[in-house]
N, C-alpha and C. Protein backbone atom coordinates (compact mmCIF):
# COMPACT_ATOMS: atom_id res chain seq x y z
N MET A 1 0.59 -0.88 -0.09
CA MET A 1 0.02 0.06 -0.05
C MET A 1 0.83 1.52 -0.13
N THR A 2 2.14 0.99 0.30
CA THR A 2 3.10 2.10 0.12
C THR A 2 2.99 2.83 -1.10
N VAL A 3 3.26 1.58 -2.14
CA VAL A 3 3.72 2.11 -3.28
C VAL A 3 2.15 3.11 -3.72
N LEU A 4 0.85 3.05 -3.52
CA LEU A 4 -0.25 3.24 -4.07
C LEU A 4 -0.34 4.84 -3.02
N ARG A 5 0.37 4.94 -1.84
CA ARG A 5 0.42 6.61 -1.18
C ARG A 5 1.21 7.09 -1.97
N TRP A 6 2.44 6.62 -2.28
CA TRP A 6 3.46 7.33 -3.41
C TRP A 6 2.80 7.96 -4.71
N ILE A 7 2.03 7.08 -4.87
CA ILE A 7 1.63 7.31 -6.45
C ILE A 7 0.67 8.15 -6.20
N GLY A 8 -0.32 8.40 -5.42
CA GLY A 8 -1.36 9.75 -4.84
C GLY A 8 -0.69 10.62 -4.58
N TRP A 9 0.24 10.66 -4.09
CA TRP A 9 0.83 11.86 -3.41
C TRP A 9 1.60 12.61 -4.65
N LEU A 10 2.24 11.78 -5.71
CA LEU A 10 2.71 12.15 -7.10
C LEU A 10 1.53 12.75 -7.67
N LEU A 11 0.44 11.87 -8.02
CA LEU A 11 -0.86 12.71 -8.63
C LEU A 11 -1.15 13.83 -7.83
N ALA A 12 -1.04 14.24 -6.70
CA ALA A 12 -1.50 15.29 -5.97
C ALA A 12 -0.38 16.44 -6.10
N ALA A 13 0.48 15.95 -6.53
CA ALA A 13 1.83 17.25 -6.77
C ALA A 13 1.51 17.69 -7.99
N GLY A 14 0.94 16.95 -9.30
CA GLY A 14 0.58 16.92 -10.28
C GLY A 14 -0.25 17.91 -10.33
N ALA A 15 -1.55 17.78 -9.34
CA ALA A 15 -2.40 18.54 -9.31
C ALA A 15 -2.20 19.73 -8.94
N ALA A 16 -1.48 19.78 -7.75
CA ALA A 16 -1.12 21.17 -7.45
C ALA A 16 -0.13 22.13 -8.39
N ALA A 17 0.55 21.64 -8.96
CA ALA A 17 1.24 22.18 -10.04
C ALA A 17 0.62 22.70 -10.94
N ALA A 18 -0.69 21.69 -11.60
CA ALA A 18 -1.63 22.37 -12.46
C ALA A 18 -2.70 23.67 -12.29
N LEU A 19 -3.06 23.52 -10.86
CA LEU A 19 -3.85 24.56 -10.35
C LEU A 19 -2.98 25.57 -10.16
N GLY A 20 -1.69 25.37 -9.82
CA GLY A 20 -0.62 26.55 -9.42
C GLY A 20 -0.15 27.30 -11.02
N SER A 21 -0.42 26.49 -11.89
CA SER A 21 -0.19 27.24 -13.25
C SER A 21 -1.20 28.13 -13.69
N GLU A 22 -2.50 27.44 -13.09
CA GLU A 22 -3.93 28.60 -13.38
C GLU A 22 -3.70 29.36 -12.82
N ALA A 23 -3.00 29.53 -11.53
CA ALA A 23 -3.17 30.64 -10.59
C ALA A 23 -2.12 31.86 -11.20
N VAL A 24 -1.22 31.20 -11.47
CA VAL A 24 -0.01 32.06 -11.93
C VAL A 24 -0.50 32.74 -13.19
N ALA A 25 -1.05 32.16 -13.77
CA ALA A 25 -1.72 32.82 -15.50
C ALA A 25 -2.80 33.63 -15.23
N TRP A 26 -3.50 33.09 -14.11
CA TRP A 26 -4.92 34.27 -13.90
C TRP A 26 -4.16 35.63 -13.26
N LEU A 27 -3.05 35.51 -12.58
CA LEU A 27 -2.25 37.03 -11.83
C LEU A 27 -2.10 37.60 -13.00
N LEU A 28 -1.23 36.72 -13.80
CA LEU A 28 -0.22 37.52 -14.97
C LEU A 28 -0.98 38.18 -16.17
N THR A 29 -2.26 37.51 -16.11
CA THR A 29 -3.10 38.24 -17.47
C THR A 29 -4.15 38.86 -17.00
N GLY A 30 -4.47 38.50 -15.84
CA GLY A 30 -5.75 39.18 -15.32
C GLY A 30 -7.40 38.42 -15.85
N SER A 31 -7.12 37.16 -16.37
CA SER A 31 -8.37 36.37 -17.05
C SER A 31 -8.16 34.87 -16.53
N TYR A 32 -8.83 34.53 -16.20
CA TYR A 32 -8.97 33.22 -15.88
C TYR A 32 -9.01 31.96 -16.93
N GLU A 33 -8.26 31.15 -17.40
CA GLU A 33 -8.52 30.31 -18.34
C GLU A 33 -8.07 28.76 -17.77
N VAL A 34 -9.12 27.99 -17.62
CA VAL A 34 -8.68 26.15 -17.60
C VAL A 34 -7.51 25.91 -18.36
N GLN A 35 -6.73 25.14 -17.47
CA GLN A 35 -5.60 24.27 -18.06
C GLN A 35 -6.52 22.81 -18.00
N THR A 36 -6.93 22.58 -19.16
CA THR A 36 -7.56 21.47 -19.42
C THR A 36 -6.21 20.15 -19.57
N LEU A 37 -6.57 18.92 -19.33
CA LEU A 37 -5.31 17.60 -19.18
C LEU A 37 -4.99 17.88 -20.54
N GLY A 38 -5.60 17.87 -21.85
CA GLY A 38 -5.21 17.86 -23.33
C GLY A 38 -4.26 19.18 -23.43
N ARG A 39 -4.41 19.98 -22.76
CA ARG A 39 -3.43 21.25 -23.05
C ARG A 39 -2.31 21.08 -22.35
N VAL A 40 -2.40 20.61 -21.16
CA VAL A 40 -1.08 20.03 -20.42
C VAL A 40 -0.27 19.09 -21.28
N TRP A 41 -1.04 17.78 -21.35
CA TRP A 41 -0.44 16.57 -22.00
C TRP A 41 0.32 17.01 -23.57
N ARG A 42 -0.47 17.77 -24.46
CA ARG A 42 0.10 18.31 -25.60
C ARG A 42 1.26 19.17 -25.18
N ALA A 43 1.46 20.24 -23.89
CA ALA A 43 2.35 20.77 -23.79
C ALA A 43 3.82 19.74 -23.17
N LEU A 44 3.47 18.79 -22.47
CA LEU A 44 4.28 17.82 -22.02
C LEU A 44 4.82 16.61 -23.15
N ASP A 45 3.69 16.36 -24.35
CA ASP A 45 4.31 15.41 -25.19
C ASP A 45 3.43 15.76 -26.37
N PRO A 46 3.92 16.61 -27.26
CA PRO A 46 2.89 17.10 -28.36
C PRO A 46 2.25 16.00 -29.32
N GLY A 47 2.65 14.56 -29.30
CA GLY A 47 1.84 13.51 -30.08
C GLY A 47 1.05 12.84 -29.46
N GLY A 48 0.75 13.45 -28.10
CA GLY A 48 0.67 12.42 -27.05
C GLY A 48 -1.43 12.45 -27.14
N PRO A 49 -2.18 13.73 -27.23
CA PRO A 49 -3.20 13.38 -27.29
C PRO A 49 -4.16 13.02 -28.68
N ALA A 50 -2.97 13.51 -29.59
CA ALA A 50 -3.29 12.78 -30.85
C ALA A 50 -3.13 11.28 -31.00
N ALA A 51 -2.57 10.56 -30.56
CA ALA A 51 -2.29 9.38 -30.60
C ALA A 51 -3.34 8.60 -30.11
N LEU A 52 -3.77 9.64 -28.64
CA LEU A 52 -4.93 8.67 -27.94
C LEU A 52 -6.26 8.68 -29.02
N ALA A 53 -6.23 10.08 -29.35
CA ALA A 53 -7.55 10.12 -30.43
C ALA A 53 -7.50 9.08 -31.41
N VAL A 54 -6.50 8.59 -31.85
CA VAL A 54 -6.51 7.81 -32.99
C VAL A 54 -6.86 6.56 -32.39
N ALA A 55 -6.09 6.16 -31.34
CA ALA A 55 -6.66 4.88 -30.69
C ALA A 55 -7.87 4.72 -30.14
N ALA A 56 -8.46 5.45 -29.40
CA ALA A 56 -9.67 5.81 -29.61
C ALA A 56 -10.97 5.27 -30.56
N GLU A 57 -10.59 6.37 -31.93
CA GLU A 57 -11.27 5.98 -32.76
C GLU A 57 -11.09 4.60 -33.41
N THR A 58 -10.23 3.53 -33.35
CA THR A 58 -10.59 2.49 -33.65
C THR A 58 -10.78 1.62 -32.62
N GLY A 59 -11.02 2.14 -31.77
CA GLY A 59 -11.59 1.10 -30.20
C GLY A 59 -13.12 1.04 -30.59
N PRO A 60 -13.82 1.07 -29.15
CA PRO A 60 -15.39 0.93 -29.32
C PRO A 60 -15.96 2.08 -29.42
N PRO A 61 -17.05 2.05 -29.53
CA PRO A 61 -17.75 3.43 -30.00
C PRO A 61 -17.60 4.44 -28.79
N TRP A 62 -18.02 3.89 -27.39
CA TRP A 62 -18.01 4.56 -26.34
C TRP A 62 -16.40 5.42 -26.19
N ALA A 63 -15.21 4.68 -26.67
CA ALA A 63 -13.95 5.06 -26.88
C ALA A 63 -13.71 6.70 -26.92
N TYR A 64 -14.34 6.97 -27.73
CA TYR A 64 -13.90 8.26 -28.57
C TYR A 64 -14.52 9.65 -27.63
N PRO A 65 -15.66 9.39 -27.37
CA PRO A 65 -16.51 10.25 -26.44
C PRO A 65 -15.83 10.61 -25.35
N LEU A 66 -15.46 9.48 -24.59
CA LEU A 66 -14.71 9.27 -23.20
C LEU A 66 -13.30 9.63 -23.04
N ALA A 67 -12.51 9.92 -24.06
CA ALA A 67 -11.31 9.93 -24.19
C ALA A 67 -11.50 11.85 -24.62
N ALA A 68 -12.38 12.24 -25.41
CA ALA A 68 -12.55 13.66 -25.94
C ALA A 68 -13.09 14.08 -24.39
N THR A 69 -13.90 13.51 -23.35
CA THR A 69 -14.52 14.50 -22.44
C THR A 69 -13.38 14.32 -21.28
N VAL A 70 -12.93 13.35 -21.30
CA VAL A 70 -11.63 13.31 -19.92
C VAL A 70 -10.38 14.65 -20.46
N LEU A 71 -10.13 14.48 -21.69
CA LEU A 71 -9.17 15.59 -22.28
C LEU A 71 -9.53 16.61 -21.92
N ARG A 72 -11.04 17.29 -21.81
CA ARG A 72 -11.83 18.80 -22.01
C ARG A 72 -11.69 18.71 -20.38
N LEU A 73 -11.07 18.07 -19.32
CA LEU A 73 -11.27 18.32 -17.85
C LEU A 73 -10.40 19.05 -17.41
N PRO A 74 -10.49 19.85 -16.54
CA PRO A 74 -9.49 20.61 -15.49
C PRO A 74 -8.34 19.73 -15.16
N ALA A 75 -7.33 19.63 -15.77
CA ALA A 75 -6.00 18.73 -15.12
C ALA A 75 -5.82 18.72 -13.12
N TRP A 76 -6.06 19.71 -12.97
CA TRP A 76 -5.95 19.78 -11.21
C TRP A 76 -7.16 18.63 -11.20
N ALA A 77 -8.35 18.66 -11.38
CA ALA A 77 -9.19 17.61 -11.18
C ALA A 77 -9.11 16.50 -11.63
N VAL A 78 -8.68 15.93 -12.89
CA VAL A 78 -8.38 14.58 -12.98
C VAL A 78 -7.14 13.75 -12.14
N LEU A 79 -6.48 14.79 -11.95
CA LEU A 79 -5.13 14.14 -11.30
C LEU A 79 -5.72 14.17 -9.81
N GLY A 80 -6.40 15.28 -9.51
CA GLY A 80 -6.59 15.15 -7.87
C GLY A 80 -7.12 14.26 -7.33
N VAL A 81 -8.46 13.93 -8.23
CA VAL A 81 -9.27 13.04 -7.66
C VAL A 81 -8.88 11.95 -7.26
N PRO A 82 -7.83 11.19 -8.35
CA PRO A 82 -7.47 10.01 -7.74
C PRO A 82 -6.38 10.07 -6.88
N ALA A 83 -5.82 11.18 -6.44
CA ALA A 83 -4.79 11.42 -5.82
C ALA A 83 -5.40 11.10 -4.41
N VAL A 84 -6.53 12.22 -4.11
CA VAL A 84 -7.43 12.00 -2.77
C VAL A 84 -7.59 10.33 -2.68
N ALA A 85 -8.30 9.78 -3.42
CA ALA A 85 -8.79 8.14 -2.96
C ALA A 85 -7.56 7.60 -3.37
N LEU A 86 -6.68 7.70 -3.71
CA LEU A 86 -5.12 6.67 -3.09
C LEU A 86 -4.51 7.16 -2.11
N VAL A 87 -4.46 8.26 -1.67
CA VAL A 87 -4.07 8.54 -0.43
C VAL A 87 -4.91 8.51 0.82
N TRP A 88 -6.03 8.63 0.70
CA TRP A 88 -7.31 8.27 1.78
C TRP A 88 -7.37 6.65 1.50
N ALA A 89 -7.36 5.71 0.70
CA ALA A 89 -7.12 4.29 0.79
C ALA A 89 -6.38 3.51 0.96
N ALA A 90 -5.15 4.25 1.39
CA ALA A 90 -3.88 3.72 1.64
C ALA A 90 -3.73 4.14 3.31
N GLY A 91 -3.91 5.13 3.37
CA GLY A 91 -3.92 5.58 4.59
C GLY A 91 -4.76 4.97 5.87
N ALA A 92 -6.19 4.80 4.68
CA ALA A 92 -7.36 4.08 5.84
C ALA A 92 -6.66 2.85 6.11
N ARG A 93 -5.92 1.86 5.00
CA ARG A 93 -5.77 0.46 5.29
C ARG A 93 -4.65 0.76 6.41
N ARG A 94 -3.98 1.46 6.55
CA ARG A 94 -2.69 1.62 7.30
C ARG A 94 -3.45 1.80 8.54
N LEU A 95 -4.15 2.75 8.83
CA LEU A 95 -5.30 3.09 10.29
C LEU A 95 -5.87 1.83 10.54
N ARG A 96 -6.55 1.04 9.81
CA ARG A 96 -7.08 0.01 10.12
C ARG A 96 -6.26 -1.27 10.83
N ALA A 97 -5.03 -1.25 9.99
CA ALA A 97 -4.02 -2.25 10.38
C ALA A 97 -3.49 -1.58 11.94
N ALA A 98 -3.70 -0.49 12.41
CA ALA A 98 -2.57 -0.20 13.42
C ALA A 98 -2.97 -0.91 14.60
N PRO A 99 -4.69 -0.77 14.77
CA PRO A 99 -5.26 -1.13 16.23
C PRO A 99 -4.95 -2.79 16.36
N GLU A 100 -4.89 -3.56 14.85
CA GLU A 100 -4.30 -5.07 15.08
C GLU A 100 -2.98 -4.92 15.64
N ALA A 101 -2.14 -4.40 15.14
CA ALA A 101 -0.71 -4.18 15.57
C ALA A 101 -0.67 -3.90 17.00
N ALA A 102 -1.34 -2.89 17.33
CA ALA A 102 -1.20 -2.64 18.91
C ALA A 102 -1.55 -3.65 19.84
N SER A 103 -2.96 -4.58 19.19
CA SER A 103 -3.39 -5.70 19.94
C SER A 103 -2.46 -6.88 20.42
N SER A 104 -1.66 -6.70 18.92
CA SER A 104 -0.64 -8.08 19.47
C SER A 104 0.73 -7.81 20.23
N VAL A 105 0.42 -6.61 20.45
CA VAL A 105 1.83 -6.07 21.78
C VAL A 105 1.16 -6.39 23.34
N SER A 106 1.75 -7.55 23.89
CA SER A 106 1.04 -7.29 25.22
C SER A 106 1.73 -6.62 26.48
N ALA A 107 0.98 -6.54 27.26
CA ALA A 107 1.25 -5.85 28.43
C ALA A 107 2.33 -6.13 29.36
N PRO A 108 3.09 -5.39 29.93
CA PRO A 108 4.23 -6.19 30.61
C PRO A 108 3.76 -6.96 31.91
N PRO A 109 3.66 -8.13 32.41
CA PRO A 109 3.21 -8.94 33.45
C PRO A 109 3.32 -8.26 34.61
N ASP A 110 2.29 -8.18 35.47
CA ASP A 110 2.13 -7.78 36.94
C ASP A 110 3.04 -8.36 37.51
N PRO A 111 3.89 -7.35 38.66
CA PRO A 111 4.78 -8.11 39.48
C PRO A 111 3.88 -8.98 40.81
């Protein structure tokens, strides 16, 4: 579960960077513009969204509308929701395991 928690924190860092990018752009330009996942992905890998579109067009009929919808969502939301879920799930499992570990420790015997 440690790996899932780390992946969650990496996604959270990406979401924070995307949100910070939106905030800085808003402060500099005075107008708010959403940084979509497609725009961020295109900035990191110019051919990435196009390759996904080709793959989605050749796939099942629901794949292209789903891919197009996800690419139009804010990057901070697409990264932040799974981040919160992963960190919470990994942390909740650790908290559930803690009482078991505490109950396995026996108290010292009375003299």
